[in-house]
């Protein structure tokens, strides 16, 4: 399983931005092949986006979809600072474990 993690700077109310993302970005992610989970967190005045995917390819496709959606729907409100794709090593909510045969 793979993760897409992105960090955004923002202006405005983070709760309102999260509602906009939940109404707009979440359905796009859910419609994509390999989608597992999506979370947003406000950390130190930045928004961290975390999504989980079946494969690195699905996470990369999500990266492109997110960039397009943010450009069209949140221009001037959020700005991408960095984005990463990587393998999830442990994820208790996702059932990912380092122990063979054990689901978290």
PDB file of N, CA and C in Angstrom:
ATOM      1  N   UNK A   1       0.851  -1.172   0.000  1.00  0.00           N
ATOM      2  CA  UNK A   1       0.000   0.000   0.000  1.00  0.00           C
ATOM      3  C   UNK A   1       0.899   1.238   0.000  1.00  0.00           C
ATOM      4  N   UNK A   2       0.429   2.275  -0.660  1.00  0.00           N
ATOM      5  CA  UNK A   2       1.214   3.509  -0.810  1.00  0.00           C
ATOM      6  C   UNK A   2       0.446   4.733  -0.328  1.00  0.00           C
ATOM      7  N   UNK A   3       1.208   5.741   0.078  1.00  0.00           N
ATOM      8  CA  UNK A   3       0.628   6.988   0.565  1.00  0.00           C
ATOM      9  C   UNK A   3       1.007   8.137  -0.347  1.00  0.00           C
ATOM     10  N   UNK A   4       0.102   9.090  -0.416  1.00  0.00           N
ATOM     11  CA  UNK A   4       0.390  10.397  -0.992  1.00  0.00           C
ATOM     12  C   UNK A   4       0.288  11.368   0.168  1.00  0.00           C
ATOM     13  N   UNK A   5       1.365  12.085   0.438  1.00  0.00           N
ATOM     14  CA  UNK A   5       1.369  13.082   1.500  1.00  0.00           C
ATOM     15  C   UNK A   5       1.738  14.418   0.872  1.00  0.00           C
ATOM     16  N   UNK A   6       0.893  15.418   1.112  1.00  0.00           N
ATOM     17  CA  UNK A   6       1.132  16.745   0.559  1.00  0.00           C
ATOM     18  C   UNK A   6       0.994  17.780   1.662  1.00  0.00           C
ATOM     19  N   UNK A   7       1.821  18.814   1.573  1.00  0.00           N
ATOM     20  CA  UNK A   7       1.779  19.915   2.529  1.00  0.00           C
ATOM     21  C   UNK A   7       1.395  21.178   1.773  1.00  0.00           C
ATOM     22  N   UNK A   8       0.404  21.897   2.313  1.00  0.00           N
ATOM     23  CA  UNK A   8      -0.096  23.118   1.701  1.00  0.00           C
ATOM     24  C   UNK A   8      -0.032  24.275   2.698  1.00  0.00           C
ATOM     25  N   UNK A   9       0.326  25.449   2.222  1.00  0.00           N
ATOM     26  CA  UNK A   9       0.096  26.661   2.992  1.00  0.00           C
ATOM     27  C   UNK A   9      -1.321  27.105   2.638  1.00  0.00           C
ATOM     28  N   UNK A  10      -1.930  27.906   3.510  1.00  0.00           N
ATOM     29  CA  UNK A  10      -3.299  28.329   3.229  1.00  0.00           C
ATOM     30  C   UNK A  10      -3.595  29.693   3.830  1.00  0.00           C
ATOM     31  N   UNK A  11      -4.661  30.280   3.305  1.00  0.00           N
ATOM     32  CA  UNK A  11      -5.223  31.493   3.883  1.00  0.00           C
ATOM     33  C   UNK A  11      -6.686  31.200   4.155  1.00  0.00           C
ATOM     34  N   UNK A  12      -7.224  31.815   5.182  1.00  0.00           N
ATOM     35  CA  UNK A  12      -8.634  31.608   5.501  1.00  0.00           C
ATOM     36  C   UNK A  12      -8.825  30.588   6.603  1.00  0.00           C
ATOM     37  N   UNK A  13     -10.050  30.132   6.722  1.00  0.00           N
ATOM     38  CA  UNK A  13     -10.478  29.208   7.765  1.00  0.00           C
ATOM     39  C   UNK A  13     -10.170  27.762   7.356  1.00  0.00           C
ATOM     40  N   UNK A  14      -9.314  27.051   8.103  1.00  0.00           N
ATOM     41  CA  UNK A  14      -8.977  25.681   7.718  1.00  0.00           C
ATOM     42  C   UNK A  14     -10.178  24.730   7.753  1.00  0.00           C
ATOM     43  N   UNK A  15     -11.127  24.989   8.647  1.00  0.00           N
ATOM     44  CA  UNK A  15     -12.340  24.150   8.700  1.00  0.00           C
ATOM     45  C   UNK A  15     -13.149  24.299   7.409  1.00  0.00           C
ATOM     46  N   UNK A  16     -13.273  25.517   6.916  1.00  0.00           N
ATOM     47  CA  UNK A  16     -13.992  25.756   5.666  1.00  0.00           C
ATOM     48  C   UNK A  16     -13.258  25.116   4.491  1.00  0.00           C
ATOM     49  N   UNK A  17     -11.930  25.203   4.496  1.00  0.00           N
ATOM     50  CA  UNK A  17     -11.145  24.565   3.438  1.00  0.00           C
ATOM     51  C   UNK A  17     -11.328  23.052   3.474  1.00  0.00           C
ATOM     52  N   UNK A  18     -11.371  22.481   4.678  1.00  0.00           N
ATOM     53  CA  UNK A  18     -11.560  21.033   4.817  1.00  0.00           C
ATOM     54  C   UNK A  18     -12.941  20.622   4.303  1.00  0.00           C
ATOM     55  N   UNK A  19     -13.966  21.417   4.596  1.00  0.00           N
ATOM     56  CA  UNK A  19     -15.311  21.105   4.084  1.00  0.00           C
ATOM     57  C   UNK A  19     -15.326  21.132   2.556  1.00  0.00           C
ATOM     58  N   UNK A  20     -14.644  22.126   1.977  1.00  0.00           N
ATOM     59  CA  UNK A  20     -14.566  22.215   0.514  1.00  0.00           C
ATOM     60  C   UNK A  20     -13.868  20.985  -0.049  1.00  0.00           C
ATOM     61  N   UNK A  21     -12.777  20.562   0.585  1.00  0.00           N
ATOM     62  CA  UNK A  21     -12.053  19.366   0.131  1.00  0.00           C
ATOM     63  C   UNK A  21     -12.897  18.102   0.306  1.00  0.00           C
ATOM     64  N   UNK A  22     -13.616  18.027   1.412  1.00  0.00           N
ATOM     65  CA  UNK A  22     -14.466  16.858   1.644  1.00  0.00           C
ATOM     66  C   UNK A  22     -15.574  16.758   0.598  1.00  0.00           C
ATOM     67  N   UNK A  23     -16.145  17.894   0.234  1.00  0.00           N
ATOM     68  CA  UNK A  23     -17.211  17.911  -0.764  1.00  0.00           C
ATOM     69  C   UNK A  23     -16.703  17.737  -2.192  1.00  0.00           C
ATOM     70  N   UNK A  24     -15.458  18.171  -2.466  1.00  0.00           N
ATOM     71  CA  UNK A  24     -14.958  18.157  -3.837  1.00  0.00           C
ATOM     72  C   UNK A  24     -13.863  17.146  -4.109  1.00  0.00           C
ATOM     73  N   UNK A  25     -12.800  17.155  -3.309  1.00  0.00           N
ATOM     74  CA  UNK A  25     -11.662  16.269  -3.557  1.00  0.00           C
ATOM     75  C   UNK A  25     -11.959  14.823  -3.169  1.00  0.00           C
ATOM     76  N   UNK A  26     -12.607  14.627  -2.023  1.00  0.00           N
ATOM     77  CA  UNK A  26     -12.883  13.267  -1.559  1.00  0.00           C
ATOM     78  C   UNK A  26     -13.653  12.436  -2.584  1.00  0.00           C
ATOM     79  N   UNK A  27     -14.729  12.935  -3.185  1.00  0.00           N
ATOM     80  CA  UNK A  27     -15.423  12.118  -4.188  1.00  0.00           C
ATOM     81  C   UNK A  27     -14.552  11.765  -5.395  1.00  0.00           C
ATOM     82  N   UNK A  28     -13.656  12.667  -5.761  1.00  0.00           N
ATOM     83  CA  UNK A  28     -12.752  12.379  -6.880  1.00  0.00           C
ATOM     84  C   UNK A  28     -11.812  11.238  -6.498  1.00  0.00           C
ATOM     85  N   UNK A  29     -11.237  11.322  -5.301  1.00  0.00           N
ATOM     86  CA  UNK A  29     -10.367  10.238  -4.829  1.00  0.00           C
ATOM     87  C   UNK A  29     -11.147   8.920  -4.742  1.00  0.00           C
ATOM     88  N   UNK A  30     -12.345   8.957  -4.169  1.00  0.00           N
ATOM     89  CA  UNK A  30     -13.134   7.739  -3.994  1.00  0.00           C
ATOM     90  C   UNK A  30     -13.471   7.080  -5.326  1.00  0.00           C
ATOM     91  N   UNK A  31     -13.587   7.858  -6.382  1.00  0.00           N
ATOM     92  CA  UNK A  31     -13.915   7.318  -7.704  1.00  0.00           C
ATOM     93  C   UNK A  31     -12.703   6.707  -8.397  1.00  0.00           C
ATOM     94  N   UNK A  32     -11.494   6.983  -7.877  1.00  0.00           N
ATOM     95  CA  UNK A  32     -10.281   6.481  -8.511  1.00  0.00           C
ATOM     96  C   UNK A  32      -9.960   5.066  -8.047  1.00  0.00           C
ATOM     97  N   UNK A  33      -9.422   4.289  -8.958  1.00  0.00           N
ATOM     98  CA  UNK A  33      -9.001   2.928  -8.657  1.00  0.00           C
ATOM     99  C   UNK A  33      -7.904   2.929  -7.589  1.00  0.00           C
ATOM    100  N   UNK A  34      -8.019   2.030  -6.633  1.00  0.00           N
ATOM    101  CA  UNK A  34      -6.983   1.861  -5.618  1.00  0.00           C
ATOM    102  C   UNK A  34      -7.131   2.726  -4.387  1.00  0.00           C
ATOM    103  N   UNK A  35      -8.187   3.543  -4.299  1.00  0.00           N
ATOM    104  CA  UNK A  35      -8.376   4.429  -3.149  1.00  0.00           C
ATOM    105  C   UNK A  35      -8.631   3.628  -1.872  1.00  0.00           C
ATOM    106  N   UNK A  36      -7.994   4.046  -0.776  1.00  0.00           N
ATOM    107  CA  UNK A  36      -8.189   3.405   0.529  1.00  0.00           C
ATOM    108  C   UNK A  36      -8.625   4.387   1.615  1.00  0.00           C
ATOM    109  N   UNK A  37      -8.004   5.570   1.691  1.00  0.00           N
ATOM    110  CA  UNK A  37      -8.295   6.496   2.788  1.00  0.00           C
ATOM    111  C   UNK A  37      -7.831   7.900   2.425  1.00  0.00           C
ATOM    112  N   UNK A  38      -8.442   8.891   3.110  1.00  0.00           N
ATOM    113  CA  UNK A  38      -8.097  10.294   2.904  1.00  0.00           C
ATOM    114  C   UNK A  38      -8.246  11.030   4.214  1.00  0.00           C
ATOM    115  N   UNK A  39      -7.246  11.817   4.581  1.00  0.00           N
ATOM    116  CA  UNK A  39      -7.277  12.621   5.804  1.00  0.00           C
ATOM    117  C   UNK A  39      -6.633  13.972   5.540  1.00  0.00           C
ATOM    118  N   UNK A  40      -7.115  14.980   6.274  1.00  0.00           N
ATOM    119  CA  UNK A  40      -6.500  16.302   6.281  1.00  0.00           C
ATOM    120  C   UNK A  40      -6.225  16.670   7.729  1.00  0.00           C
ATOM    121  N   UNK A  41      -5.101  17.342   7.963  1.00  0.00           N
ATOM    122  CA  UNK A  41      -4.768  17.827   9.302  1.00  0.00           C
ATOM    123  C   UNK A  41      -4.216  19.237   9.193  1.00  0.00           C
ATOM    124  N   UNK A  42      -4.587  20.066  10.156  1.00  0.00           N
ATOM    125  CA  UNK A  42      -4.038  21.419  10.261  1.00  0.00           C
ATOM    126  C   UNK A  42      -2.918  21.351  11.288  1.00  0.00           C
ATOM    127  N   UNK A  43      -1.692  21.524  10.830  1.00  0.00           N
ATOM    128  CA  UNK A  43      -0.522  21.390  11.700  1.00  0.00           C
ATOM    129  C   UNK A  43       0.327  22.644  11.557  1.00  0.00           C
ATOM    130  N   UNK A  44       0.370  23.412  12.617  1.00  0.00           N
ATOM    131  CA  UNK A  44       1.218  24.591  12.616  1.00  0.00           C
ATOM    132  C   UNK A  44       0.928  25.572  11.508  1.00  0.00           C
ATOM    133  N   UNK A  45      -0.334  25.752  11.167  1.00  0.00           N
ATOM    134  CA  UNK A  45      -0.688  26.708  10.129  1.00  0.00           C
ATOM    135  C   UNK A  45      -0.514  26.187   8.711  1.00  0.00           C
ATOM    136  N   UNK A  46      -0.296  24.884   8.563  1.00  0.00           N
ATOM    137  CA  UNK A  46      -0.231  24.253   7.249  1.00  0.00           C
ATOM    138  C   UNK A  46      -1.229  23.097   7.227  1.00  0.00           C
ATOM    139  N   UNK A  47      -1.728  22.800   6.054  1.00  0.00           N
ATOM    140  CA  UNK A  47      -2.612  21.651   5.900  1.00  0.00           C
ATOM    141  C   UNK A  47      -1.787  20.498   5.344  1.00  0.00           C
ATOM    142  N   UNK A  48      -1.899  19.354   6.022  1.00  0.00           N
ATOM    143  CA  UNK A  48      -1.262  18.127   5.568  1.00  0.00           C
ATOM    144  C   UNK A  48      -2.368  17.225   5.037  1.00  0.00           C
ATOM    145  N   UNK A  49      -2.210  16.778   3.803  1.00  0.00           N
ATOM    146  CA  UNK A  49      -3.137  15.864   3.171  1.00  0.00           C
ATOM    147  C   UNK A  49      -2.482  14.488   3.117  1.00  0.00           C
ATOM    148  N   UNK A  50      -3.198  13.468   3.606  1.00  0.00           N
ATOM    149  CA  UNK A  50      -2.711  12.093   3.565  1.00  0.00           C
ATOM    150  C   UNK A  50      -3.766  11.247   2.874  1.00  0.00           C
ATOM    151  N   UNK A  51      -3.361  10.517   1.856  1.00  0.00           N
ATOM    152  CA  UNK A  51      -4.264   9.548   1.238  1.00  0.00           C
ATOM    153  C   UNK A  51      -3.515   8.238   1.042  1.00  0.00           C
ATOM    154  N   UNK A  52      -4.258   7.140   1.131  1.00  0.00           N
ATOM    155  CA  UNK A  52      -3.678   5.800   0.995  1.00  0.00           C
ATOM    156  C   UNK A  52      -4.245   5.138  -0.254  1.00  0.00           C
ATOM    157  N   UNK A  53      -3.366   4.396  -0.944  1.00  0.00           N
ATOM    158  CA  UNK A  53      -3.680   3.815  -2.252  1.00  0.00           C
ATOM    159  C   UNK A  53      -3.108   2.409  -2.361  1.00  0.00           C
ATOM    160  N   UNK A  54      -3.720   1.583  -3.206  1.00  0.00           N
ATOM    161  CA  UNK A  54      -3.252   0.215  -3.419  1.00  0.00           C
ATOM    162  C   UNK A  54      -1.849   0.145  -4.006  1.00  0.00           C
ATOM    163  N   UNK A  55      -1.468   1.127  -4.800  1.00  0.00           N
ATOM    164  CA  UNK A  55      -0.184   1.055  -5.510  1.00  0.00           C
ATOM    165  C   UNK A  55       0.423   2.448  -5.659  1.00  0.00           C
ATOM    166  N   UNK A  56       1.700   2.465  -6.007  1.00  0.00           N
ATOM    167  CA  UNK A  56       2.373   3.736  -6.271  1.00  0.00           C
ATOM    168  C   UNK A  56       1.743   4.422  -7.480  1.00  0.00           C
ATOM    169  N   UNK A  57       1.332   3.643  -8.477  1.00  0.00           N
ATOM    170  CA  UNK A  57       0.714   4.210  -9.670  1.00  0.00           C
ATOM    171  C   UNK A  57      -0.609   4.906  -9.326  1.00  0.00           C
ATOM    172  N   UNK A  58      -1.399   4.284  -8.453  1.00  0.00           N
ATOM    173  CA  UNK A  58      -2.665   4.899  -8.040  1.00  0.00           C
ATOM    174  C   UNK A  58      -2.402   6.184  -7.251  1.00  0.00           C
ATOM    175  N   UNK A  59      -1.374   6.169  -6.416  1.00  0.00           N
ATOM    176  CA  UNK A  59      -1.019   7.370  -5.648  1.00  0.00           C
ATOM    177  C   UNK A  59      -0.549   8.486  -6.579  1.00  0.00           C
ATOM    178  N   UNK A  60       0.211   8.152  -7.606  1.00  0.00           N
ATOM    179  CA  UNK A  60       0.660   9.148  -8.579  1.00  0.00           C
ATOM    180  C   UNK A  60      -0.526   9.738  -9.340  1.00  0.00           C
ATOM    181  N   UNK A  61      -1.483   8.894  -9.708  1.00  0.00           N
ATOM    182  CA  UNK A  61      -2.684   9.383 -10.393  1.00  0.00           C
ATOM    183  C   UNK A  61      -3.457  10.334  -9.473  1.00  0.00           C
ATOM    184  N   UNK A  62      -3.504  10.008  -8.189  1.00  0.00           N
ATOM    185  CA  UNK A  62      -4.169  10.877  -7.212  1.00  0.00           C
ATOM    186  C   UNK A  62      -3.445  12.213  -7.104  1.00  0.00           C
ATOM    187  N   UNK A  63      -2.133  12.182  -7.181  1.00  0.00           N
ATOM    188  CA  UNK A  63      -1.340  13.406  -7.116  1.00  0.00           C
ATOM    189  C   UNK A  63      -1.740  14.347  -8.254  1.00  0.00           C
ATOM    190  N   UNK A  64      -1.873  13.801  -9.455  1.00  0.00           N
ATOM    191  CA  UNK A  64      -2.270  14.608 -10.611  1.00  0.00           C
ATOM    192  C   UNK A  64      -3.702  15.121 -10.456  1.00  0.00           C
ATOM    193  N   UNK A  65      -4.609  14.251  -9.975  1.00  0.00           N
ATOM    194  CA  UNK A  65      -6.002  14.658  -9.779  1.00  0.00           C
ATOM    195  C   UNK A  65      -6.110  15.757  -8.737  1.00  0.00           C
ATOM    196  N   UNK A  66      -5.348  15.637  -7.660  1.00  0.00           N
ATOM    197  CA  UNK A  66      -5.372  16.651  -6.602  1.00  0.00           C
ATOM    198  C   UNK A  66      -4.857  17.988  -7.125  1.00  0.00           C
ATOM    199  N   UNK A  67      -3.777  17.959  -7.886  1.00  0.00           N
ATOM    200  CA  UNK A  67      -3.218  19.198  -8.431  1.00  0.00           C
ATOM    201  C   UNK A  67      -4.237  19.907  -9.319  1.00  0.00           C
ATOM    202  N   UNK A  68      -4.911  19.142 -10.170  1.00  0.00           N
ATOM    203  CA  UNK A  68      -5.927  19.729 -11.049  1.00  0.00           C
ATOM    204  C   UNK A  68      -7.079  20.315 -10.248  1.00  0.00           C
ATOM    205  N   UNK A  69      -7.579  19.548  -9.265  1.00  0.00           N
ATOM    206  CA  UNK A  69      -8.733  20.002  -8.485  1.00  0.00           C
ATOM    207  C   UNK A  69      -8.393  21.247  -7.661  1.00  0.00           C
ATOM    208  N   UNK A  70      -7.240  21.249  -7.018  1.00  0.00           N
ATOM    209  CA  UNK A  70      -6.832  22.409  -6.212  1.00  0.00           C
ATOM    210  C   UNK A  70      -6.701  23.644  -7.102  1.00  0.00           C
ATOM    211  N   UNK A  71      -6.091  23.502  -8.272  1.00  0.00           N
ATOM    212  CA  UNK A  71      -5.930  24.640  -9.187  1.00  0.00           C
ATOM    213  C   UNK A  71      -7.284  25.214  -9.604  1.00  0.00           C
ATOM    214  N   UNK A  72      -8.268  24.344  -9.820  1.00  0.00           N
ATOM    215  CA  UNK A  72      -9.576  24.789 -10.283  1.00  0.00           C
ATOM    216  C   UNK A  72     -10.475  25.297  -9.157  1.00  0.00           C
ATOM    217  N   UNK A  73     -10.296  24.778  -7.952  1.00  0.00           N
ATOM    218  CA  UNK A  73     -11.266  25.040  -6.889  1.00  0.00           C
ATOM    219  C   UNK A  73     -10.738  25.790  -5.670  1.00  0.00           C
ATOM    220  N   UNK A  74      -9.421  25.865  -5.510  1.00  0.00           N
ATOM    221  CA  UNK A  74      -8.888  26.490  -4.313  1.00  0.00           C
ATOM    222  C   UNK A  74      -7.760  27.470  -4.611  1.00  0.00           C
ATOM    223  N   UNK A  75      -7.695  27.929  -5.847  1.00  0.00           N
ATOM    224  CA  UNK A  75      -6.667  28.899  -6.223  1.00  0.00           C
ATOM    225  C   UNK A  75      -6.774  30.121  -5.324  1.00  0.00           C
ATOM    226  N   UNK A  76      -5.649  30.565  -4.814  1.00  0.00           N
ATOM    227  CA  UNK A  76      -5.623  31.721  -3.939  1.00  0.00           C
ATOM    228  C   UNK A  76      -5.907  31.395  -2.479  1.00  0.00           C
ATOM    229  N   UNK A  77      -6.390  30.177  -2.213  1.00  0.00           N
ATOM    230  CA  UNK A  77      -6.690  29.765  -0.842  1.00  0.00           C
ATOM    231  C   UNK A  77      -5.646  28.802  -0.288  1.00  0.00           C
ATOM    232  N   UNK A  78      -5.153  27.909  -1.142  1.00  0.00           N
ATOM    233  CA  UNK A  78      -4.111  26.971  -0.729  1.00  0.00           C
ATOM    234  C   UNK A  78      -3.023  26.937  -1.786  1.00  0.00           C
ATOM    235  N   UNK A  79      -1.801  26.663  -1.330  1.00  0.00           N
ATOM    236  CA  UNK A  79      -0.668  26.549  -2.250  1.00  0.00           C
ATOM    237  C   UNK A  79       0.141  25.320  -1.860  1.00  0.00           C
ATOM    238  N   UNK A  80       0.369  24.441  -2.828  1.00  0.00           N
ATOM    239  CA  UNK A  80       1.158  23.243  -2.582  1.00  0.00           C
ATOM    240  C   UNK A  80       2.594  23.621  -2.268  1.00  0.00           C
ATOM    241  N   UNK A  81       3.117  23.107  -1.160  1.00  0.00           N
ATOM    242  CA  UNK A  81       4.513  23.357  -0.785  1.00  0.00           C
ATOM    243  C   UNK A  81       5.381  22.150  -1.125  1.00  0.00           C
ATOM    244  N   UNK A  82       4.848  20.940  -0.885  1.00  0.00           N
ATOM    245  CA  UNK A  82       5.576  19.728  -1.250  1.00  0.00           C
ATOM    246  C   UNK A  82       4.615  18.555  -1.289  1.00  0.00           C
ATOM    247  N   UNK A  83       5.012  17.526  -2.034  1.00  0.00           N
ATOM    248  CA  UNK A  83       4.198  16.326  -2.187  1.00  0.00           C
ATOM    249  C   UNK A  83       5.126  15.121  -2.304  1.00  0.00           C
ATOM    250  N   UNK A  84       4.727  14.022  -1.671  1.00  0.00           N
ATOM    251  CA  UNK A  84       5.545  12.806  -1.678  1.00  0.00           C
ATOM    252  C   UNK A  84       4.664  11.574  -1.841  1.00  0.00           C
ATOM    253  N   UNK A  85       5.208  10.568  -2.491  1.00  0.00           N
ATOM    254  CA  UNK A  85       4.578   9.253  -2.618  1.00  0.00           C
ATOM    255  C   UNK A  85       5.540   8.255  -1.980  1.00  0.00           C
ATOM    256  N   UNK A  86       5.019   7.360  -1.137  1.00  0.00           N
ATOM    257  CA  UNK A  86       5.880   6.358  -0.513  1.00  0.00           C
ATOM    258  C   UNK A  86       5.090   5.161  -0.037  1.00  0.00           C
ATOM    259  N   UNK A  87       5.794   4.106   0.262  1.00  0.00           N
ATOM    260  CA  UNK A  87       5.169   2.878   0.749  1.00  0.00           C
ATOM    261  C   UNK A  87       4.782   3.032   2.216  1.00  0.00           C
ATOM    262  N   UNK A  88       3.574   2.591   2.551  1.00  0.00           N
ATOM    263  CA  UNK A  88       3.119   2.594   3.942  1.00  0.00           C
ATOM    264  C   UNK A  88       3.677   1.336   4.603  1.00  0.00           C
ATOM    265  N   UNK A  89       4.446   1.515   5.660  1.00  0.00           N
ATOM    266  CA  UNK A  89       5.079   0.382   6.338  1.00  0.00           C
ATOM    267  C   UNK A  89       4.221  -0.180   7.461  1.00  0.00           C
ATOM    268  N   UNK A  90       3.566   0.696   8.211  1.00  0.00           N
ATOM    269  CA  UNK A  90       2.636   0.293   9.261  1.00  0.00           C
ATOM    270  C   UNK A  90       1.456   1.243   9.193  1.00  0.00           C
ATOM    271  N   UNK A  91       0.263   0.709   9.237  1.00  0.00           N
ATOM    272  CA  UNK A  91      -0.941   1.529   9.240  1.00  0.00           C
ATOM    273  C   UNK A  91      -2.054   0.804   9.966  1.00  0.00           C
ATOM    274  N   UNK A  92      -2.237   1.096  11.245  1.00  0.00           N
ATOM    275  CA  UNK A  92      -3.216   0.355  12.045  1.00  0.00           C
ATOM    276  C   UNK A  92      -4.631   0.494  11.501  1.00  0.00           C
ATOM    277  N   UNK A  93      -5.014   1.664  11.064  1.00  0.00           N
ATOM    278  CA  UNK A  93      -6.353   1.854  10.515  1.00  0.00           C
ATOM    279  C   UNK A  93      -6.493   1.246   9.124  1.00  0.00           C
ATOM    280  N   UNK A  94      -5.375   0.979   8.471  1.00  0.00           N
ATOM    281  CA  UNK A  94      -5.378   0.469   7.101  1.00  0.00           C
ATOM    282  C   UNK A  94      -5.099  -1.031   7.019  1.00  0.00           C
ATOM    283  N   UNK A  95      -4.803  -1.653   8.153  1.00  0.00           N
ATOM    284  CA  UNK A  95      -4.508  -3.073   8.148  1.00  0.00           C
ATOM    285  C   UNK A  95      -3.134  -3.412   7.607  1.00  0.00           C
ATOM    286  N   UNK A  96      -2.176  -2.490   7.717  1.00  0.00           N
ATOM    287  CA  UNK A  96      -0.819  -2.724   7.240  1.00  0.00           C
ATOM    288  C   UNK A  96       0.070  -3.011   8.443  1.00  0.00           C
ATOM    289  N   UNK A  97       0.803  -4.136   8.376  1.00  0.00           N
ATOM    290  CA  UNK A  97       1.667  -4.528   9.477  1.00  0.00           C
ATOM    291  C   UNK A  97       2.981  -5.070   8.931  1.00  0.00           C
ATOM    292  N   UNK A  98       4.016  -5.002   9.744  1.00  0.00           N
ATOM    293  CA  UNK A  98       5.315  -5.583   9.378  1.00  0.00           C
ATOM    294  C   UNK A  98       5.344  -7.077   9.675  1.00  0.00           C
ATOM    295  N   UNK A  99       4.372  -7.593  10.390  1.00  0.00           N
ATOM    296  CA  UNK A  99       4.333  -9.003  10.787  1.00  0.00           C
ATOM    297  C   UNK A  99       3.558  -9.806   9.756  1.00  0.00           C
ATOM    298  N   UNK A 100       4.215 -10.790   9.158  1.00  0.00           N
ATOM    299  CA  UNK A 100       3.599 -11.610   8.129  1.00  0.00           C
ATOM    300  C   UNK A 100       2.349 -12.313   8.682  1.00  0.00           C
ATOM    301  N   UNK A 101       1.273 -12.257   7.920  1.00  0.00           N
ATOM    302  CA  UNK A 101       0.054 -12.941   8.309  1.00  0.00           C
ATOM    303  C   UNK A 101      -0.782 -12.212   9.345  1.00  0.00           C
ATOM    304  N   UNK A 102      -0.341 -11.058   9.800  1.00  0.00           N
ATOM    305  CA  UNK A 102      -1.095 -10.314  10.810  1.00  0.00           C
ATOM    306  C   UNK A 102      -1.596  -9.032  10.176  1.00  0.00           C
ATOM    307  N   UNK A 103      -2.888  -8.781  10.343  1.00  0.00           N
ATOM    308  CA  UNK A 103      -3.424  -7.498   9.896  1.00  0.00           C
ATOM    309  C   UNK A 103      -3.609  -6.625  11.104  1.00  0.00           C
ATOM    310  N   UNK A 104      -3.208  -5.402  10.958  1.00  0.00           N
ATOM    311  CA  UNK A 104      -3.283  -4.450  12.075  1.00  0.00           C
ATOM    312  C   UNK A 104      -4.709  -4.047  12.335  1.00  0.00           C
TER     313      UNK A 104
END
